[in-house]
Amino acid sequence: TCAACGAALNEAMATDHTARQVFDLPDPQPLTFTEHRAHRCLCAACGTQTRAAFPEGVTAPVQYGARIAAFVIYLLHYQLDFPHFRDSRRSRHDPEDILMSDKVKCVID
């Protein structure tokens, strides 16, 4: 309707337009995890126990994957303001240090 007189308006009467955009994230997907198992076997011939190796890069019982680490680093460096964290003794470039910091835990939790 017309802002001055209240008359009906339609699309054919348009002379200009203004646009506004809203960006949003899609619904979150469930977190995925991969469990790696290194079996220990007992040699029947000599009695030595041998454990299989874990895949390269799997060094801890529980750890964050590369995509989670990259996302948190992106948030820290480009989106969030954590000046006290950046000035701390922790390494700004070690993903495990960044993910384990109290300031990041408050964002993740």
N, C-alpha and C. Protein backbone atom coordinates (compact mmCIF):
# COMPACT_ATOMS: atom_id res chain seq x y z
N THR A 1 0.84 -1.20 0.00
CA THR A 1 0.00 0.00 0.00
C THR A 1 0.87 1.24 0.00
N CYS A 2 0.35 2.31 -0.57
CA CYS A 2 1.05 3.59 -0.66
C CYS A 2 1.23 4.17 0.74
N ALA A 3 2.44 4.63 1.03
CA ALA A 3 2.74 5.20 2.35
C ALA A 3 2.04 6.53 2.57
N ALA A 4 1.66 7.25 1.47
CA ALA A 4 1.02 8.56 1.61
C ALA A 4 -0.50 8.46 1.65
N CYS A 5 -1.10 7.75 0.68
CA CYS A 5 -2.56 7.74 0.60
C CYS A 5 -3.22 6.40 0.90
N GLY A 6 -2.41 5.30 0.96
CA GLY A 6 -2.97 4.00 1.27
C GLY A 6 -3.48 3.23 0.06
N ALA A 7 -3.30 3.77 -1.18
CA ALA A 7 -3.77 3.08 -2.38
C ALA A 7 -2.98 1.80 -2.59
N ALA A 8 -3.61 0.84 -3.24
CA ALA A 8 -2.96 -0.44 -3.52
C ALA A 8 -1.84 -0.28 -4.53
N LEU A 9 -0.74 -0.99 -4.31
CA LEU A 9 0.40 -0.97 -5.22
C LEU A 9 0.65 -2.39 -5.70
N ASN A 10 1.26 -2.52 -6.90
CA ASN A 10 1.62 -3.84 -7.41
C ASN A 10 3.01 -3.81 -8.01
N GLU A 11 3.52 -4.96 -8.39
CA GLU A 11 4.89 -5.08 -8.89
C GLU A 11 5.12 -4.26 -10.16
N ALA A 12 4.12 -4.10 -11.01
CA ALA A 12 4.26 -3.34 -12.25
C ALA A 12 4.50 -1.86 -11.99
N MET A 13 4.16 -1.35 -10.82
CA MET A 13 4.35 0.06 -10.49
C MET A 13 5.74 0.36 -9.90
N ALA A 14 6.56 -0.68 -9.72
CA ALA A 14 7.87 -0.49 -9.10
C ALA A 14 8.77 0.38 -9.96
N THR A 15 9.46 1.30 -9.33
CA THR A 15 10.41 2.18 -10.04
C THR A 15 11.84 1.95 -9.57
N ASP A 16 12.02 1.28 -8.47
CA ASP A 16 13.34 1.06 -7.89
C ASP A 16 13.21 -0.08 -6.87
N HIS A 17 14.33 -0.54 -6.38
CA HIS A 17 14.28 -1.52 -5.30
C HIS A 17 15.50 -1.37 -4.40
N THR A 18 15.38 -1.88 -3.21
CA THR A 18 16.46 -1.95 -2.25
C THR A 18 16.59 -3.41 -1.83
N ALA A 19 17.82 -3.88 -1.72
CA ALA A 19 18.04 -5.28 -1.38
C ALA A 19 18.73 -5.39 -0.02
N ARG A 20 18.41 -6.44 0.70
CA ARG A 20 19.09 -6.81 1.94
C ARG A 20 19.32 -8.31 1.91
N GLN A 21 20.51 -8.71 2.35
CA GLN A 21 20.86 -10.13 2.31
C GLN A 21 21.14 -10.63 3.72
N VAL A 22 20.76 -11.88 3.96
CA VAL A 22 21.03 -12.53 5.24
C VAL A 22 21.79 -13.81 4.93
N PHE A 23 22.98 -13.92 5.49
CA PHE A 23 23.77 -15.14 5.35
C PHE A 23 23.65 -15.94 6.63
N ASP A 24 23.53 -17.24 6.50
CA ASP A 24 23.42 -18.09 7.68
C ASP A 24 24.09 -19.41 7.39
N LEU A 25 24.42 -20.11 8.42
CA LEU A 25 25.01 -21.44 8.29
C LEU A 25 23.91 -22.48 8.18
N PRO A 26 24.17 -23.56 7.45
CA PRO A 26 23.18 -24.64 7.41
C PRO A 26 23.09 -25.30 8.78
N ASP A 27 22.05 -26.07 8.99
CA ASP A 27 21.92 -26.81 10.25
C ASP A 27 23.18 -27.63 10.47
N PRO A 28 23.67 -27.66 11.69
CA PRO A 28 24.90 -28.42 11.93
C PRO A 28 24.70 -29.91 11.72
N GLN A 29 25.70 -30.51 11.17
CA GLN A 29 25.69 -31.95 10.97
C GLN A 29 26.24 -32.61 12.23
N PRO A 30 25.89 -33.85 12.46
CA PRO A 30 26.46 -34.54 13.64
C PRO A 30 27.98 -34.62 13.52
N LEU A 31 28.63 -34.48 14.65
CA LEU A 31 30.08 -34.60 14.69
C LEU A 31 30.47 -36.02 14.34
N THR A 32 31.44 -36.17 13.47
CA THR A 32 31.89 -37.51 13.10
C THR A 32 33.21 -37.81 13.79
N PHE A 33 33.44 -39.05 14.07
CA PHE A 33 34.71 -39.44 14.65
C PHE A 33 35.13 -40.77 14.04
N THR A 34 36.42 -40.99 14.07
CA THR A 34 36.99 -42.24 13.59
C THR A 34 37.79 -42.83 14.73
N GLU A 35 37.52 -44.08 15.06
CA GLU A 35 38.29 -44.76 16.09
C GLU A 35 39.31 -45.67 15.41
N HIS A 36 40.56 -45.50 15.79
CA HIS A 36 41.62 -46.35 15.28
C HIS A 36 42.02 -47.32 16.39
N ARG A 37 42.14 -48.58 16.07
CA ARG A 37 42.54 -49.59 17.05
C ARG A 37 43.83 -50.24 16.60
N ALA A 38 44.78 -50.28 17.53
CA ALA A 38 46.05 -50.95 17.25
C ALA A 38 46.08 -52.22 18.10
N HIS A 39 45.90 -53.33 17.46
CA HIS A 39 45.86 -54.60 18.17
C HIS A 39 47.26 -55.06 18.54
N ARG A 40 47.36 -55.70 19.71
CA ARG A 40 48.61 -56.31 20.16
C ARG A 40 48.48 -57.81 19.95
N CYS A 41 49.48 -58.37 19.31
CA CYS A 41 49.44 -59.81 19.02
C CYS A 41 50.63 -60.50 19.67
N LEU A 42 50.38 -61.73 20.08
CA LEU A 42 51.42 -62.56 20.69
C LEU A 42 51.90 -63.56 19.66
N CYS A 43 53.19 -63.49 19.39
CA CYS A 43 53.77 -64.40 18.40
C CYS A 43 53.81 -65.82 18.99
N ALA A 44 53.23 -66.78 18.28
CA ALA A 44 53.20 -68.16 18.74
C ALA A 44 54.58 -68.80 18.65
N ALA A 45 55.45 -68.28 17.78
CA ALA A 45 56.77 -68.88 17.59
C ALA A 45 57.76 -68.47 18.67
N CYS A 46 57.79 -67.17 19.03
CA CYS A 46 58.82 -66.71 19.98
C CYS A 46 58.26 -66.05 21.24
N GLY A 47 56.96 -65.78 21.29
CA GLY A 47 56.36 -65.19 22.47
C GLY A 47 56.42 -63.68 22.56
N THR A 48 56.95 -63.03 21.54
CA THR A 48 57.04 -61.56 21.53
C THR A 48 55.67 -60.96 21.25
N GLN A 49 55.35 -59.90 22.02
CA GLN A 49 54.11 -59.17 21.76
C GLN A 49 54.43 -57.98 20.86
N THR A 50 53.65 -57.83 19.81
CA THR A 50 53.84 -56.73 18.86
C THR A 50 52.52 -56.01 18.69
N ARG A 51 52.57 -54.66 18.80
CA ARG A 51 51.37 -53.87 18.61
C ARG A 51 51.44 -53.17 17.26
N ALA A 52 50.33 -53.14 16.56
CA ALA A 52 50.26 -52.46 15.26
C ALA A 52 50.46 -50.96 15.45
N ALA A 53 50.87 -50.30 14.40
CA ALA A 53 51.08 -48.84 14.44
C ALA A 53 49.76 -48.12 14.14
N PHE A 54 49.61 -46.94 14.71
CA PHE A 54 48.47 -46.09 14.39
C PHE A 54 48.79 -45.32 13.10
N PRO A 55 47.77 -44.82 12.42
CA PRO A 55 48.03 -44.03 11.22
C PRO A 55 48.86 -42.79 11.55
N GLU A 56 49.58 -42.30 10.58
CA GLU A 56 50.41 -41.10 10.77
C GLU A 56 49.54 -39.94 11.24
N GLY A 57 50.01 -39.24 12.23
CA GLY A 57 49.29 -38.08 12.76
C GLY A 57 48.35 -38.40 13.90
N VAL A 58 48.08 -39.67 14.13
CA VAL A 58 47.22 -40.08 15.26
C VAL A 58 48.16 -40.40 16.41
N THR A 59 48.34 -39.40 17.30
CA THR A 59 49.37 -39.50 18.33
C THR A 59 48.83 -39.49 19.75
N ALA A 60 47.56 -39.24 19.93
CA ALA A 60 46.99 -39.15 21.27
C ALA A 60 45.74 -40.03 21.36
N PRO A 61 45.35 -40.42 22.59
CA PRO A 61 44.13 -41.23 22.75
C PRO A 61 42.88 -40.52 22.21
N VAL A 62 42.82 -39.20 22.38
CA VAL A 62 41.72 -38.39 21.85
C VAL A 62 42.34 -37.12 21.31
N GLN A 63 41.98 -36.73 20.10
CA GLN A 63 42.52 -35.49 19.55
C GLN A 63 41.54 -34.89 18.57
N TYR A 64 41.75 -33.61 18.25
CA TYR A 64 40.88 -32.90 17.31
C TYR A 64 41.39 -33.12 15.90
N GLY A 65 40.46 -33.20 14.96
CA GLY A 65 40.82 -33.35 13.56
C GLY A 65 41.25 -32.03 12.95
N ALA A 66 41.79 -32.10 11.76
CA ALA A 66 42.32 -30.93 11.08
C ALA A 66 41.24 -29.88 10.79
N ARG A 67 40.01 -30.31 10.48
CA ARG A 67 38.96 -29.33 10.15
C ARG A 67 38.51 -28.56 11.38
N ILE A 68 38.42 -29.23 12.54
CA ILE A 68 38.05 -28.52 13.76
C ILE A 68 39.15 -27.53 14.13
N ALA A 69 40.39 -27.96 14.06
CA ALA A 69 41.51 -27.08 14.39
C ALA A 69 41.53 -25.88 13.45
N ALA A 70 41.33 -26.09 12.16
CA ALA A 70 41.34 -24.99 11.19
C ALA A 70 40.21 -24.02 11.47
N PHE A 71 39.03 -24.52 11.82
CA PHE A 71 37.90 -23.65 12.10
C PHE A 71 38.16 -22.78 13.33
N VAL A 72 38.70 -23.38 14.38
CA VAL A 72 38.97 -22.61 15.60
C VAL A 72 40.06 -21.57 15.34
N ILE A 73 41.08 -21.93 14.59
CA ILE A 73 42.13 -20.95 14.26
C ILE A 73 41.53 -19.82 13.44
N TYR A 74 40.66 -20.14 12.50
CA TYR A 74 39.98 -19.09 11.72
C TYR A 74 39.21 -18.15 12.63
N LEU A 75 38.44 -18.71 13.56
CA LEU A 75 37.68 -17.86 14.48
C LEU A 75 38.60 -16.98 15.30
N LEU A 76 39.68 -17.54 15.80
CA LEU A 76 40.61 -16.76 16.63
C LEU A 76 41.27 -15.63 15.87
N HIS A 77 41.71 -15.90 14.66
CA HIS A 77 42.48 -14.92 13.92
C HIS A 77 41.63 -13.91 13.16
N TYR A 78 40.43 -14.29 12.75
CA TYR A 78 39.66 -13.42 11.87
C TYR A 78 38.31 -12.98 12.40
N GLN A 79 37.74 -13.68 13.35
CA GLN A 79 36.38 -13.37 13.76
C GLN A 79 36.25 -12.93 15.21
N LEU A 80 37.02 -13.52 16.11
CA LEU A 80 36.86 -13.25 17.54
C LEU A 80 38.00 -12.40 18.05
N ASP A 81 37.74 -11.65 19.10
CA ASP A 81 38.76 -10.80 19.68
C ASP A 81 39.21 -11.39 20.99
N PHE A 82 40.37 -12.03 21.00
CA PHE A 82 40.95 -12.60 22.21
C PHE A 82 42.33 -12.00 22.43
N PRO A 83 42.42 -10.70 22.73
CA PRO A 83 43.75 -10.10 22.87
C PRO A 83 44.56 -10.72 23.99
N HIS A 84 43.93 -11.09 25.10
CA HIS A 84 44.68 -11.67 26.20
C HIS A 84 45.24 -13.03 25.81
N PHE A 85 44.48 -13.77 25.01
CA PHE A 85 44.98 -15.06 24.57
C PHE A 85 46.16 -14.88 23.64
N ARG A 86 46.06 -13.92 22.72
CA ARG A 86 47.13 -13.71 21.76
C ARG A 86 48.41 -13.23 22.44
N ASP A 87 48.28 -12.57 23.59
CA ASP A 87 49.45 -12.08 24.31
C ASP A 87 50.00 -13.08 25.30
N SER A 88 49.35 -14.22 25.43
CA SER A 88 49.79 -15.20 26.43
C SER A 88 51.02 -15.93 25.93
N ARG A 89 51.55 -16.80 26.79
CA ARG A 89 52.74 -17.56 26.44
C ARG A 89 52.44 -18.70 25.48
N ARG A 90 51.19 -19.05 25.34
CA ARG A 90 50.84 -20.16 24.45
C ARG A 90 51.16 -19.80 23.00
N SER A 91 51.44 -20.82 22.23
CA SER A 91 51.72 -20.62 20.81
C SER A 91 50.43 -20.27 20.08
N ARG A 92 50.49 -19.25 19.24
CA ARG A 92 49.31 -18.87 18.47
C ARG A 92 49.09 -19.82 17.30
N HIS A 93 50.08 -20.64 16.99
CA HIS A 93 49.98 -21.45 15.78
C HIS A 93 49.88 -22.94 16.07
N ASP A 94 49.91 -23.34 17.31
CA ASP A 94 49.80 -24.75 17.65
C ASP A 94 48.33 -25.07 17.90
N PRO A 95 47.67 -25.79 16.99
CA PRO A 95 46.23 -26.04 17.13
C PRO A 95 45.86 -26.70 18.45
N GLU A 96 46.68 -27.62 18.94
CA GLU A 96 46.33 -28.31 20.19
C GLU A 96 46.35 -27.33 21.37
N ASP A 97 47.35 -26.42 21.40
CA ASP A 97 47.39 -25.40 22.45
C ASP A 97 46.17 -24.49 22.36
N ILE A 98 45.83 -24.10 21.14
CA ILE A 98 44.69 -23.20 20.95
C ILE A 98 43.40 -23.88 21.39
N LEU A 99 43.20 -25.13 20.98
CA LEU A 99 41.96 -25.83 21.30
C LEU A 99 41.83 -26.11 22.79
N MET A 100 42.93 -26.26 23.51
CA MET A 100 42.87 -26.59 24.92
C MET A 100 42.83 -25.35 25.81
N SER A 101 42.92 -24.16 25.22
CA SER A 101 42.91 -22.95 26.04
C SER A 101 41.53 -22.72 26.65
N ASP A 102 41.50 -22.12 27.83
CA ASP A 102 40.22 -21.84 28.49
C ASP A 102 39.37 -20.88 27.68
N LYS A 103 39.98 -19.94 26.99
CA LYS A 103 39.22 -18.95 26.23
C LYS A 103 38.50 -19.61 25.05
N VAL A 104 39.12 -20.62 24.42
CA VAL A 104 38.47 -21.31 23.32
C VAL A 104 37.41 -22.26 23.86
N LYS A 105 37.66 -22.90 24.99
CA LYS A 105 36.66 -23.81 25.56
C LYS A 105 35.35 -23.09 25.81
N CYS A 106 35.41 -21.83 26.21
CA CYS A 106 34.16 -21.11 26.47
C CYS A 106 33.41 -20.88 25.15
N VAL A 107 34.11 -20.77 24.02
CA VAL A 107 33.46 -20.60 22.72
C VAL A 107 32.88 -21.92 22.25
N ILE A 108 33.65 -23.01 22.41
CA ILE A 108 33.19 -24.33 21.95
C ILE A 108 32.04 -24.83 22.81
N ASP A 109 32.15 -24.64 24.14
CA ASP A 109 31.09 -25.09 25.03
C ASP A 109 29.91 -24.20 24.86
